[in-house]
Amino acid sequence: MDYLKKLWTHCSLWVFLHRKRFGKNNVILSDIRKPADNVFYSGPFIFADILDYKNLREIVVNNRITWLFHYSALLSAVGEANVPLARAVNITGLHNVLDIAAEHNLRLFVPSTIGAFGPTSPRDPTPDLCIQRPRTIYGVSKVHAELMGEYYHYRYGLDFRCLRYPGIISADSQPGGGTTDYAVQIFHDAIKTGKFKCYLRPDTRLPMMYLDDCLKATLEIMEAPAEALTMRTYNISAMSFTPEELAQEVQKYVPELQMTYNVDQVRQAIADSWPMNFDDSNARRDWGWKHDYDLPELVTTMFSYLGSDSRIAQAN
């Protein structure tokens, strides 16, 4: 592979995989927050404010960046609580990145989301191309990102690539204000207290994915030959489940888990407007996408990471 230098904005978990793959000095992580020790000492880190166009441009030029992964965003529930900030970070920040990427001929990855669809979209399954009328600032900003990226591709030749992520589940991070974060919190609460109060209805079905599959898909789309891509934005999926189905699988490891429901009407309304299942057949056809984790493998892996010093390990 040719020498590449990659810049990641605000996403440390993805960086570790890429540093292992491409060399730690070839992958630069940026954020506006002080990094943890394991992040800081794992490779290059720089301060970068997505709203500071001049600073971003200097970073790209001074470090000879060739790929840029743009993860800076306020998520669904957090964005609804602070719309002006979400608009600035999610939309103005995107514009800065698009202009710099086009000017310097970068390969640009911007993640999208199930939140880019709305209540008038087909929900089961949701295809790549259909009506998109989201009801959150997060979703609106992601539709904007998809369309602007495609426009820059056709207008300026920008190598823009985008994946619509389902809910992402990881043992490496705490829930961050997203509507699907119950599917992470349940593991922490099951281990700590044996009780979990869910803010969504038990029958709320949403597409989900384990982090390792998300990492794999992101790398695969970025390495796919340009001629293989028939579109700039793809759905990707692995599984789809409800809180009730997840609880039943968790109870195989924590039989005494007490699951209760206290529905948050804001997040429930968001979830009800999102896809129940993703149609990712185009990704599977064009660049060979294939997931590794279904629900049983997901739950087993989560507990293997989180449960080693827990009541589960003691019980076993």
C-alpha atoms as a PDB file:
ATOM      1  CA  MET A   1       0.000   0.000   0.000  1.00  0.00           C
ATOM      2  CA  ASP A   2       1.163   3.516  -0.716  1.00  0.00           C
ATOM      3  CA  TYR A   3       2.237   5.643   2.231  1.00  0.00           C
ATOM      4  CA  LEU A   4      -0.862   7.195   3.756  1.00  0.00           C
ATOM      5  CA  LYS A   5      -1.313   9.603   6.597  1.00  0.00           C
ATOM      6  CA  LYS A   6      -4.730   9.579   8.194  1.00  0.00           C
ATOM      7  CA  LEU A   7      -6.441  12.114  10.409  1.00  0.00           C
ATOM      8  CA  TRP A   8      -9.267  11.075  12.713  1.00  0.00           C
ATOM      9  CA  THR A   9     -11.431  13.704  14.353  1.00  0.00           C
ATOM     10  CA  HIS A  10     -12.789  12.676  17.733  1.00  0.00           C
ATOM     11  CA  CYS A  11     -12.826   8.866  17.617  1.00  0.00           C
ATOM     12  CA  SER A  12     -10.150   7.049  19.635  1.00  0.00           C
ATOM     13  CA  LEU A  13     -11.499   3.486  19.379  1.00  0.00           C
ATOM     14  CA  TRP A  14     -11.199   3.379  15.608  1.00  0.00           C
ATOM     15  CA  VAL A  15      -7.669   4.763  15.772  1.00  0.00           C
ATOM     16  CA  PHE A  16      -6.153   1.791  17.616  1.00  0.00           C
ATOM     17  CA  LEU A  17      -7.159  -0.607  14.849  1.00  0.00           C
ATOM     18  CA  HIS A  18      -5.769   1.625  12.125  1.00  0.00           C
ATOM     19  CA  ARG A  19      -2.495   2.236  13.951  1.00  0.00           C
ATOM     20  CA  LYS A  20      -2.025  -1.504  14.164  1.00  0.00           C
ATOM     21  CA  ARG A  21      -2.773  -1.801  10.461  1.00  0.00           C
ATOM     22  CA  PHE A  22      -0.911   1.218   9.047  1.00  0.00           C
ATOM     23  CA  GLY A  23       1.655   2.096  11.723  1.00  0.00           C
ATOM     24  CA  LYS A  24       1.092   4.309  14.737  1.00  0.00           C
ATOM     25  CA  ASN A  25       2.884   7.339  13.296  1.00  0.00           C
ATOM     26  CA  ASN A  26       0.697   7.288  10.192  1.00  0.00           C
ATOM     27  CA  VAL A  27      -2.587   7.763  12.054  1.00  0.00           C
ATOM     28  CA  ILE A  28      -3.255  11.026  13.891  1.00  0.00           C
ATOM     29  CA  LEU A  29      -6.088  11.402  16.392  1.00  0.00           C
ATOM     30  CA  SER A  30      -7.564  14.833  17.058  1.00  0.00           C
ATOM     31  CA  ASP A  31     -10.055  16.111  19.603  1.00  0.00           C
ATOM     32  CA  ILE A  32     -10.820  19.157  21.744  1.00  0.00           C
ATOM     33  CA  ARG A  33     -10.584  17.129  24.957  1.00  0.00           C
ATOM     34  CA  LYS A  34      -7.509  15.919  26.794  1.00  0.00           C
ATOM     35  CA  PRO A  35      -6.977  12.261  25.831  1.00  0.00           C
ATOM     36  CA  ALA A  36      -6.607   9.383  28.266  1.00  0.00           C
ATOM     37  CA  ASP A  37      -3.083   8.113  28.846  1.00  0.00           C
ATOM     38  CA  ASN A  38      -3.550   4.993  26.720  1.00  0.00           C
ATOM     39  CA  VAL A  39      -4.707   7.151  23.811  1.00  0.00           C
ATOM     40  CA  PHE A  40      -2.053   9.829  24.219  1.00  0.00           C
ATOM     41  CA  TYR A  41       0.868   7.384  24.329  1.00  0.00           C
ATOM     42  CA  SER A  42      -0.412   5.125  21.544  1.00  0.00           C
ATOM     43  CA  GLY A  43       0.512   7.540  18.747  1.00  0.00           C
ATOM     44  CA  PRO A  44       0.233  11.129  17.498  1.00  0.00           C
ATOM     45  CA  PHE A  45      -2.488  13.298  19.043  1.00  0.00           C
ATOM     46  CA  ILE A  46      -3.278  16.912  18.232  1.00  0.00           C
ATOM     47  CA  PHE A  47      -5.848  19.444  19.343  1.00  0.00           C
ATOM     48  CA  ALA A  48      -8.313  20.291  16.579  1.00  0.00           C
ATOM     49  CA  ASP A  49     -11.559  22.220  16.775  1.00  0.00           C
ATOM     50  CA  ILE A  50     -13.820  21.237  13.893  1.00  0.00           C
ATOM     51  CA  LEU A  51     -15.129  24.812  13.784  1.00  0.00           C
ATOM     52  CA  ASP A  52     -11.639  26.309  13.348  1.00  0.00           C
ATOM     53  CA  TYR A  53     -11.171  26.149   9.583  1.00  0.00           C
ATOM     54  CA  LYS A  54      -7.695  27.690   9.545  1.00  0.00           C
ATOM     55  CA  ASN A  55      -6.360  25.262  12.145  1.00  0.00           C
ATOM     56  CA  LEU A  56      -7.830  22.235  10.341  1.00  0.00           C
ATOM     57  CA  ARG A  57      -6.258  23.366   7.086  1.00  0.00           C
ATOM     58  CA  GLU A  58      -2.861  23.785   8.746  1.00  0.00           C
ATOM     59  CA  ILE A  59      -3.102  20.288  10.234  1.00  0.00           C
ATOM     60  CA  VAL A  60      -3.830  18.725   6.842  1.00  0.00           C
ATOM     61  CA  VAL A  61      -1.020  20.626   5.131  1.00  0.00           C
ATOM     62  CA  ASN A  62       1.630  20.292   7.844  1.00  0.00           C
ATOM     63  CA  ASN A  63       1.030  16.560   8.316  1.00  0.00           C
ATOM     64  CA  ARG A  64       0.499  15.722   4.637  1.00  0.00           C
ATOM     65  CA  ILE A  65      -2.840  14.059   5.379  1.00  0.00           C
ATOM     66  CA  THR A  66      -4.281  11.790   2.676  1.00  0.00           C
ATOM     67  CA  TRP A  67      -7.330  10.227   4.391  1.00  0.00           C
ATOM     68  CA  LEU A  68      -9.667  12.038   6.766  1.00  0.00           C
ATOM     69  CA  PHE A  69     -12.241  10.354   9.022  1.00  0.00           C
ATOM     70  CA  HIS A  70     -14.752  12.882  10.332  1.00  0.00           C
ATOM     71  CA  TYR A  71     -16.552  11.650  13.455  1.00  0.00           C
ATOM     72  CA  SER A  72     -17.215  14.917  15.280  1.00  0.00           C
ATOM     73  CA  ALA A  73     -20.949  15.194  15.995  1.00  0.00           C
ATOM     74  CA  LEU A  74     -23.601  15.623  18.661  1.00  0.00           C
ATOM     75  CA  LEU A  75     -25.806  12.524  18.759  1.00  0.00           C
ATOM     76  CA  SER A  76     -29.589  12.305  18.654  1.00  0.00           C
ATOM     77  CA  ALA A  77     -30.816  12.919  22.205  1.00  0.00           C
ATOM     78  CA  VAL A  78     -27.921  15.256  23.075  1.00  0.00           C
ATOM     79  CA  GLY A  79     -28.464  17.238  19.891  1.00  0.00           C
ATOM     80  CA  GLU A  80     -32.144  17.769  20.687  1.00  0.00           C
ATOM     81  CA  ALA A  81     -31.115  19.282  24.018  1.00  0.00           C
ATOM     82  CA  ASN A  82     -28.788  21.803  22.335  1.00  0.00           C
ATOM     83  CA  VAL A  83     -29.864  22.413  18.748  1.00  0.00           C
ATOM     84  CA  PRO A  84     -27.648  25.497  18.112  1.00  0.00           C
ATOM     85  CA  LEU A  85     -24.512  23.602  19.151  1.00  0.00           C
ATOM     86  CA  ALA A  86     -25.549  20.539  17.148  1.00  0.00           C
ATOM     87  CA  ARG A  87     -26.149  22.711  14.103  1.00  0.00           C
ATOM     88  CA  ALA A  88     -22.718  24.294  14.440  1.00  0.00           C
ATOM     89  CA  VAL A  89     -20.764  21.080  15.052  1.00  0.00           C
ATOM     90  CA  ASN A  90     -22.703  18.759  12.751  1.00  0.00           C
ATOM     91  CA  ILE A  91     -23.246  21.118   9.807  1.00  0.00           C
ATOM     92  CA  THR A  92     -20.703  23.957   9.930  1.00  0.00           C
ATOM     93  CA  GLY A  93     -17.997  21.516  10.967  1.00  0.00           C
ATOM     94  CA  LEU A  94     -18.902  19.288   8.031  1.00  0.00           C
ATOM     95  CA  HIS A  95     -18.616  22.212   5.613  1.00  0.00           C
ATOM     96  CA  ASN A  96     -15.113  22.928   6.874  1.00  0.00           C
ATOM     97  CA  VAL A  97     -14.079  19.316   6.365  1.00  0.00           C
ATOM     98  CA  LEU A  98     -15.622  19.090   2.876  1.00  0.00           C
ATOM     99  CA  ASP A  99     -13.861  22.216   1.652  1.00  0.00           C
ATOM    100  CA  ILE A 100     -10.480  21.150   3.029  1.00  0.00           C
ATOM    101  CA  ALA A 101     -10.845  17.602   1.691  1.00  0.00           C
ATOM    102  CA  ALA A 102     -11.755  18.865  -1.768  1.00  0.00           C
ATOM    103  CA  GLU A 103      -8.933  21.413  -1.819  1.00  0.00           C
ATOM    104  CA  HIS A 104      -6.274  18.878  -0.817  1.00  0.00           C
ATOM    105  CA  ASN A 105      -7.599  15.846  -2.685  1.00  0.00           C
ATOM    106  CA  LEU A 106      -8.281  13.763   0.420  1.00  0.00           C
ATOM    107  CA  ARG A 107     -10.249  10.555   0.690  1.00  0.00           C
ATOM    108  CA  LEU A 108     -12.992  11.536   3.144  1.00  0.00           C
ATOM    109  CA  PHE A 109     -15.106   9.287   5.328  1.00  0.00           C
ATOM    110  CA  VAL A 110     -18.151  10.706   7.112  1.00  0.00           C
ATOM    111  CA  PRO A 111     -20.400   8.330   9.060  1.00  0.00           C
ATOM    112  CA  SER A 112     -24.161   8.550   8.758  1.00  0.00           C
ATOM    113  CA  THR A 113     -26.814   6.797  10.800  1.00  0.00           C
ATOM    114  CA  ILE A 114     -30.197   5.138  11.070  1.00  0.00           C
ATOM    115  CA  GLY A 115     -31.251   8.586  12.312  1.00  0.00           C
ATOM    116  CA  ALA A 116     -31.005   9.893   8.740  1.00  0.00           C
ATOM    117  CA  PHE A 117     -34.442   8.364   8.111  1.00  0.00           C
ATOM    118  CA  GLY A 118     -37.802   9.541   9.405  1.00  0.00           C
ATOM    119  CA  PRO A 119     -41.363   8.384  10.026  1.00  0.00           C
ATOM    120  CA  THR A 120     -42.252   8.544   6.312  1.00  0.00           C
ATOM    121  CA  SER A 121     -39.342   6.277   5.316  1.00  0.00           C
ATOM    122  CA  PRO A 122     -40.009   2.568   4.750  1.00  0.00           C
ATOM    123  CA  ARG A 123     -38.974   0.907   8.011  1.00  0.00           C
ATOM    124  CA  ASP A 124     -38.864  -2.851   7.425  1.00  0.00           C
ATOM    125  CA  PRO A 125     -36.608  -3.007   5.540  1.00  0.00           C
ATOM    126  CA  THR A 126     -35.169   0.430   4.808  1.00  0.00           C
ATOM    127  CA  PRO A 127     -33.335   0.551   1.452  1.00  0.00           C
ATOM    128  CA  ASP A 128     -30.361   2.743   0.573  1.00  0.00           C
ATOM    129  CA  LEU A 129     -32.463   5.068  -1.569  1.00  0.00           C
ATOM    130  CA  CYS A 130     -35.847   6.193  -0.266  1.00  0.00           C
ATOM    131  CA  ILE A 131     -37.536   9.238   1.221  1.00  0.00           C
ATOM    132  CA  GLN A 132     -35.585  10.752   4.142  1.00  0.00           C
ATOM    133  CA  ARG A 133     -37.373  13.221   6.403  1.00  0.00           C
ATOM    134  CA  PRO A 134     -35.791  12.861   9.864  1.00  0.00           C
ATOM    135  CA  ARG A 135     -37.275  14.659  12.864  1.00  0.00           C
ATOM    136  CA  THR A 136     -34.062  15.364  14.819  1.00  0.00           C
ATOM    137  CA  ILE A 137     -31.287  17.878  14.192  1.00  0.00           C
ATOM    138  CA  TYR A 138     -28.853  14.941  14.262  1.00  0.00           C
ATOM    139  CA  GLY A 139     -30.763  13.162  11.500  1.00  0.00           C
ATOM    140  CA  VAL A 140     -31.191  16.329   9.452  1.00  0.00           C
ATOM    141  CA  SER A 141     -27.470  17.050   9.684  1.00  0.00           C
ATOM    142  CA  LYS A 142     -26.632  13.526   8.533  1.00  0.00           C
ATOM    143  CA  VAL A 143     -28.923  13.720   5.482  1.00  0.00           C
ATOM    144  CA  HIS A 144     -27.213  17.033   4.755  1.00  0.00           C
ATOM    145  CA  ALA A 145     -23.813  15.321   5.048  1.00  0.00           C
ATOM    146  CA  GLU A 146     -24.828  12.531   2.676  1.00  0.00           C
ATOM    147  CA  LEU A 147     -26.121  14.943   0.047  1.00  0.00           C
ATOM    148  CA  MET A 148     -23.254  17.420   0.352  1.00  0.00           C
ATOM    149  CA  GLY A 149     -20.692  14.628   0.137  1.00  0.00           C
ATOM    150  CA  GLU A 150     -22.336  13.264  -2.989  1.00  0.00           C
ATOM    151  CA  TYR A 151     -22.519  16.766  -4.466  1.00  0.00           C
ATOM    152  CA  TYR A 152     -18.810  17.396  -3.792  1.00  0.00           C
ATOM    153  CA  HIS A 153     -18.019  14.041  -5.394  1.00  0.00           C
ATOM    154  CA  TYR A 154     -19.819  14.897  -8.621  1.00  0.00           C
ATOM    155  CA  ARG A 155     -18.977  18.631  -8.636  1.00  0.00           C
ATOM    156  CA  TYR A 156     -15.343  18.552  -7.481  1.00  0.00           C
ATOM    157  CA  GLY A 157     -14.298  14.904  -7.762  1.00  0.00           C
ATOM    158  CA  LEU A 158     -14.023  14.468  -3.980  1.00  0.00           C
ATOM    159  CA  ASP A 159     -13.526  10.829  -2.972  1.00  0.00           C
ATOM    160  CA  PHE A 160     -16.333  10.897  -0.417  1.00  0.00           C
ATOM    161  CA  ARG A 161     -17.397   7.651   1.286  1.00  0.00           C
ATOM    162  CA  CYS A 162     -20.156   7.202   3.836  1.00  0.00           C
ATOM    163  CA  LEU A 163     -21.790   4.379   5.787  1.00  0.00           C
ATOM    164  CA  ARG A 164     -25.111   4.555   7.595  1.00  0.00           C
ATOM    165  CA  TYR A 165     -24.324   2.920  10.907  1.00  0.00           C
ATOM    166  CA  PRO A 166     -26.981   1.119  12.923  1.00  0.00           C
ATOM    167  CA  GLY A 167     -26.788   1.315  16.710  1.00  0.00           C
ATOM    168  CA  ILE A 168     -23.168   0.503  17.646  1.00  0.00           C
ATOM    169  CA  ILE A 169     -22.506  -1.643  20.725  1.00  0.00           C
ATOM    170  CA  SER A 170     -19.089  -1.671  22.375  1.00  0.00           C
ATOM    171  CA  ALA A 171     -17.580  -2.797  25.654  1.00  0.00           C
ATOM    172  CA  ASP A 172     -14.876  -0.135  25.348  1.00  0.00           C
ATOM    173  CA  SER A 173     -17.010   2.961  25.867  1.00  0.00           C
ATOM    174  CA  GLN A 174     -19.819   4.266  28.007  1.00  0.00           C
ATOM    175  CA  PRO A 175     -23.206   5.265  26.546  1.00  0.00           C
ATOM    176  CA  GLY A 176     -22.974   8.701  24.946  1.00  0.00           C
ATOM    177  CA  GLY A 177     -26.479  10.098  24.672  1.00  0.00           C
ATOM    178  CA  GLY A 178     -27.780   8.152  21.698  1.00  0.00           C
ATOM    179  CA  THR A 179     -31.220   6.595  21.408  1.00  0.00           C
ATOM    180  CA  THR A 180     -29.766   3.093  20.958  1.00  0.00           C
ATOM    181  CA  ASP A 181     -27.461   3.369  23.979  1.00  0.00           C
ATOM    182  CA  TYR A 182     -29.782   1.240  26.114  1.00  0.00           C
ATOM    183  CA  ALA A 183     -28.192  -1.738  24.326  1.00  0.00           C
ATOM    184  CA  VAL A 184     -24.853  -0.849  25.933  1.00  0.00           C
ATOM    185  CA  GLN A 185     -26.142   0.288  29.325  1.00  0.00           C
ATOM    186  CA  ILE A 186     -27.997  -2.975  29.934  1.00  0.00           C
ATOM    187  CA  PHE A 187     -24.711  -4.880  30.154  1.00  0.00           C
ATOM    188  CA  HIS A 188     -23.172  -2.490  32.681  1.00  0.00           C
ATOM    189  CA  ASP A 189     -26.288  -2.482  34.857  1.00  0.00           C
ATOM    190  CA  ALA A 190     -26.772  -6.243  34.636  1.00  0.00           C
ATOM    191  CA  ILE A 191     -23.234  -6.760  35.896  1.00  0.00           C
ATOM    192  CA  LYS A 192     -23.307  -4.068  38.596  1.00  0.00           C
ATOM    193  CA  THR A 193     -26.813  -4.366  40.035  1.00  0.00           C
ATOM    194  CA  GLY A 194     -28.745  -7.098  38.242  1.00  0.00           C
ATOM    195  CA  LYS A 195     -31.401  -4.496  37.385  1.00  0.00           C
ATOM    196  CA  PHE A 196     -32.015  -2.441  34.278  1.00  0.00           C
ATOM    197  CA  LYS A 197     -34.627   0.216  33.551  1.00  0.00           C
ATOM    198  CA  CYS A 198     -35.124   0.674  29.812  1.00  0.00           C
ATOM    199  CA  TYR A 199     -36.283   3.988  28.332  1.00  0.00           C
ATOM    200  CA  LEU A 200     -37.755   2.334  25.201  1.00  0.00           C
ATOM    201  CA  ARG A 201     -40.780   0.056  24.878  1.00  0.00           C
ATOM    202  CA  PRO A 202     -39.979  -3.665  25.003  1.00  0.00           C
ATOM    203  CA  ASP A 203     -41.085  -4.183  21.387  1.00  0.00           C
ATOM    204  CA  THR A 204     -38.965  -1.367  19.861  1.00  0.00           C
ATOM    205  CA  ARG A 205     -36.994  -3.032  17.085  1.00  0.00           C
ATOM    206  CA  LEU A 206     -33.860  -1.298  15.795  1.00  0.00           C
ATOM    207  CA  PRO A 207     -30.849  -2.406  13.711  1.00  0.00           C
ATOM    208  CA  MET A 208     -27.661  -2.917  15.725  1.00  0.00           C
ATOM    209  CA  MET A 209     -24.029  -3.874  15.223  1.00  0.00           C
ATOM    210  CA  TYR A 210     -21.068  -4.872  17.368  1.00  0.00           C
ATOM    211  CA  LEU A 211     -18.116  -2.486  17.239  1.00  0.00           C
ATOM    212  CA  ASP A 212     -15.713  -4.916  15.572  1.00  0.00           C
ATOM    213  CA  ASP A 213     -18.066  -5.276  12.614  1.00  0.00           C
ATOM    214  CA  CYS A 214     -18.348  -1.495  12.420  1.00  0.00           C
ATOM    215  CA  LEU A 215     -14.568  -1.145  12.368  1.00  0.00           C
ATOM    216  CA  LYS A 216     -14.278  -3.793   9.677  1.00  0.00           C
ATOM    217  CA  ALA A 217     -16.941  -2.196   7.489  1.00  0.00           C
ATOM    218  CA  THR A 218     -15.336   1.247   7.788  1.00  0.00           C
ATOM    219  CA  LEU A 219     -11.936  -0.018   6.740  1.00  0.00           C
ATOM    220  CA  GLU A 220     -13.399  -2.099   3.913  1.00  0.00           C
ATOM    221  CA  ILE A 221     -15.340   0.801   2.397  1.00  0.00           C
ATOM    222  CA  MET A 222     -12.265   3.031   2.559  1.00  0.00           C
ATOM    223  CA  GLU A 223     -10.074   0.416   0.866  1.00  0.00           C
ATOM    224  CA  ALA A 224     -12.641  -0.592  -1.757  1.00  0.00           C
ATOM    225  CA  PRO A 225     -11.650   0.311  -5.320  1.00  0.00           C
ATOM    226  CA  ALA A 226     -13.492   3.391  -6.527  1.00  0.00           C
ATOM    227  CA  GLU A 227     -14.844   1.545  -9.549  1.00  0.00           C
ATOM    228  CA  ALA A 228     -16.596  -0.975  -7.273  1.00  0.00           C
ATOM    229  CA  LEU A 229     -18.730   1.703  -5.607  1.00  0.00           C
ATOM    230  CA  THR A 230     -22.092   2.327  -7.230  1.00  0.00           C
ATOM    231  CA  MET A 231     -23.083   4.928  -4.620  1.00  0.00           C
ATOM    232  CA  ARG A 232     -21.418   7.202  -2.100  1.00  0.00           C
ATOM    233  CA  THR A 233     -23.546   6.246   0.939  1.00  0.00           C
ATOM    234  CA  TYR A 234     -24.365   2.674   1.933  1.00  0.00           C
ATOM    235  CA  ASN A 235     -26.506   1.039   4.596  1.00  0.00           C
ATOM    236  CA  ILE A 236     -24.707  -1.588   6.666  1.00  0.00           C
ATOM    237  CA  SER A 237     -26.316  -3.944   9.136  1.00  0.00           C
ATOM    238  CA  ALA A 238     -25.662  -7.036  11.209  1.00  0.00           C
ATOM    239  CA  MET A 239     -28.710  -7.736  13.397  1.00  0.00           C
ATOM    240  CA  SER A 240     -31.981  -6.242  14.544  1.00  0.00           C
ATOM    241  CA  PHE A 241     -33.567  -6.775  17.952  1.00  0.00           C
ATOM    242  CA  THR A 242     -35.884  -5.340  20.595  1.00  0.00           C
ATOM    243  CA  PRO A 243     -35.080  -4.537  24.243  1.00  0.00           C
ATOM    244  CA  GLU A 244     -37.103  -7.583  25.236  1.00  0.00           C
ATOM    245  CA  GLU A 245     -35.112  -9.877  22.945  1.00  0.00           C
ATOM    246  CA  LEU A 246     -31.822  -8.439  24.180  1.00  0.00           C
ATOM    247  CA  ALA A 247     -32.897  -8.923  27.804  1.00  0.00           C
ATOM    248  CA  GLN A 248     -33.735 -12.578  27.138  1.00  0.00           C
ATOM    249  CA  GLU A 249     -30.260 -13.142  25.733  1.00  0.00           C
ATOM    250  CA  VAL A 250     -28.622 -11.269  28.640  1.00  0.00           C
ATOM    251  CA  GLN A 251     -30.579 -13.393  31.122  1.00  0.00           C
ATOM    252  CA  LYS A 252     -28.732 -16.463  29.871  1.00  0.00           C
ATOM    253  CA  TYR A 253     -25.725 -14.970  31.666  1.00  0.00           C
ATOM    254  CA  VAL A 254     -27.527 -13.055  34.421  1.00  0.00           C
ATOM    255  CA  PRO A 255     -30.706 -15.099  35.092  1.00  0.00           C
ATOM    256  CA  GLU A 256     -31.744 -12.810  37.944  1.00  0.00           C
ATOM    257  CA  LEU A 257     -31.750  -9.694  35.745  1.00  0.00           C
ATOM    258  CA  GLN A 258     -34.810  -7.582  36.525  1.00  0.00           C
ATOM    259  CA  MET A 259     -35.907  -5.653  33.437  1.00  0.00           C
ATOM    260  CA  THR A 260     -38.333  -2.763  33.866  1.00  0.00           C
ATOM    261  CA  TYR A 261     -39.508  -0.057  31.495  1.00  0.00           C
ATOM    262  CA  ASN A 262     -39.826   3.683  32.025  1.00  0.00           C
ATOM    263  CA  VAL A 263     -40.445   5.017  28.538  1.00  0.00           C
ATOM    264  CA  ASP A 264     -38.771   8.306  27.655  1.00  0.00           C
ATOM    265  CA  GLN A 265     -41.244   9.837  25.221  1.00  0.00           C
ATOM    266  CA  VAL A 266     -38.586  11.891  23.421  1.00  0.00           C
ATOM    267  CA  ARG A 267     -36.302   8.952  22.731  1.00  0.00           C
ATOM    268  CA  GLN A 268     -39.216   6.643  22.022  1.00  0.00           C
ATOM    269  CA  ALA A 269     -40.521   9.051  19.390  1.00  0.00           C
ATOM    270  CA  ILE A 270     -37.054   9.140  17.834  1.00  0.00           C
ATOM    271  CA  ALA A 271     -36.815   5.346  17.790  1.00  0.00           C
ATOM    272  CA  ASP A 272     -40.300   5.014  16.295  1.00  0.00           C
ATOM    273  CA  SER A 273     -39.201   7.155  13.343  1.00  0.00           C
ATOM    274  CA  TRP A 274     -36.107   5.043  12.630  1.00  0.00           C
ATOM    275  CA  PRO A 275     -35.677   1.863  10.561  1.00  0.00           C
ATOM    276  CA  MET A 276     -36.516  -1.494  12.115  1.00  0.00           C
ATOM    277  CA  ASN A 277     -34.258  -3.325   9.662  1.00  0.00           C
ATOM    278  CA  PHE A 278     -31.633  -2.098   7.205  1.00  0.00           C
ATOM    279  CA  ASP A 279     -31.395  -3.424   3.659  1.00  0.00           C
ATOM    280  CA  ASP A 280     -27.631  -3.540   3.096  1.00  0.00           C
ATOM    281  CA  SER A 281     -27.678  -5.710  -0.022  1.00  0.00           C
ATOM    282  CA  ASN A 282     -25.843  -3.075  -2.078  1.00  0.00           C
ATOM    283  CA  ALA A 283     -22.882  -3.039   0.317  1.00  0.00           C
ATOM    284  CA  ARG A 284     -22.765  -6.840   0.286  1.00  0.00           C
ATOM    285  CA  ARG A 285     -22.853  -6.880  -3.512  1.00  0.00           C
ATOM    286  CA  ASP A 286     -20.531  -3.962  -4.354  1.00  0.00           C
ATOM    287  CA  TRP A 287     -17.653  -4.399  -1.914  1.00  0.00           C
ATOM    288  CA  GLY A 288     -18.310  -7.713  -0.200  1.00  0.00           C
ATOM    289  CA  TRP A 289     -19.634  -6.538   3.164  1.00  0.00           C
ATOM    290  CA  LYS A 290     -20.304  -9.421   5.554  1.00  0.00           C
ATOM    291  CA  HIS A 291     -20.871  -9.155   9.302  1.00  0.00           C
ATOM    292  CA  ASP A 292     -19.389 -11.547  11.867  1.00  0.00           C
ATOM    293  CA  TYR A 293     -21.538 -10.939  14.965  1.00  0.00           C
ATOM    294  CA  ASP A 294     -25.181 -11.873  15.473  1.00  0.00           C
ATOM    295  CA  LEU A 295     -27.019 -11.319  18.769  1.00  0.00           C
ATOM    296  CA  PRO A 296     -25.728 -14.428  20.632  1.00  0.00           C
ATOM    297  CA  GLU A 297     -22.114 -13.681  19.642  1.00  0.00           C
ATOM    298  CA  LEU A 298     -22.582 -10.030  20.599  1.00  0.00           C
ATOM    299  CA  VAL A 299     -23.824 -10.848  24.096  1.00  0.00           C
ATOM    300  CA  THR A 300     -21.124 -13.466  24.681  1.00  0.00           C
ATOM    301  CA  THR A 301     -18.416 -11.014  23.629  1.00  0.00           C
ATOM    302  CA  MET A 302     -19.771  -8.168  25.760  1.00  0.00           C
ATOM    303  CA  PHE A 303     -19.801 -10.299  28.876  1.00  0.00           C
ATOM    304  CA  SER A 304     -16.349 -11.711  28.146  1.00  0.00           C
ATOM    305  CA  TYR A 305     -15.021  -8.131  28.219  1.00  0.00           C
ATOM    306  CA  LEU A 306     -17.150  -6.667  31.004  1.00  0.00           C
ATOM    307  CA  GLY A 307     -17.791  -9.641  33.243  1.00  0.00           C
ATOM    308  CA  SER A 308     -14.337 -10.895  34.193  1.00  0.00           C
ATOM    309  CA  ASP A 309     -14.322  -9.202  37.621  1.00  0.00           C
ATOM    310  CA  SER A 310     -18.051  -9.147  38.078  1.00  0.00           C
ATOM    311  CA  ARG A 311     -20.836 -11.026  39.794  1.00  0.00           C
ATOM    312  CA  ILE A 312     -21.025 -13.179  36.623  1.00  0.00           C
ATOM    313  CA  ALA A 313     -17.467 -14.402  37.078  1.00  0.00           C
ATOM    314  CA  GLN A 314     -18.121 -15.021  40.767  1.00  0.00           C
ATOM    315  CA  ALA A 315     -21.251 -16.979  39.979  1.00  0.00           C
ATOM    316  CA  ASN A 316     -19.477 -19.043  37.352  1.00  0.00           C
END
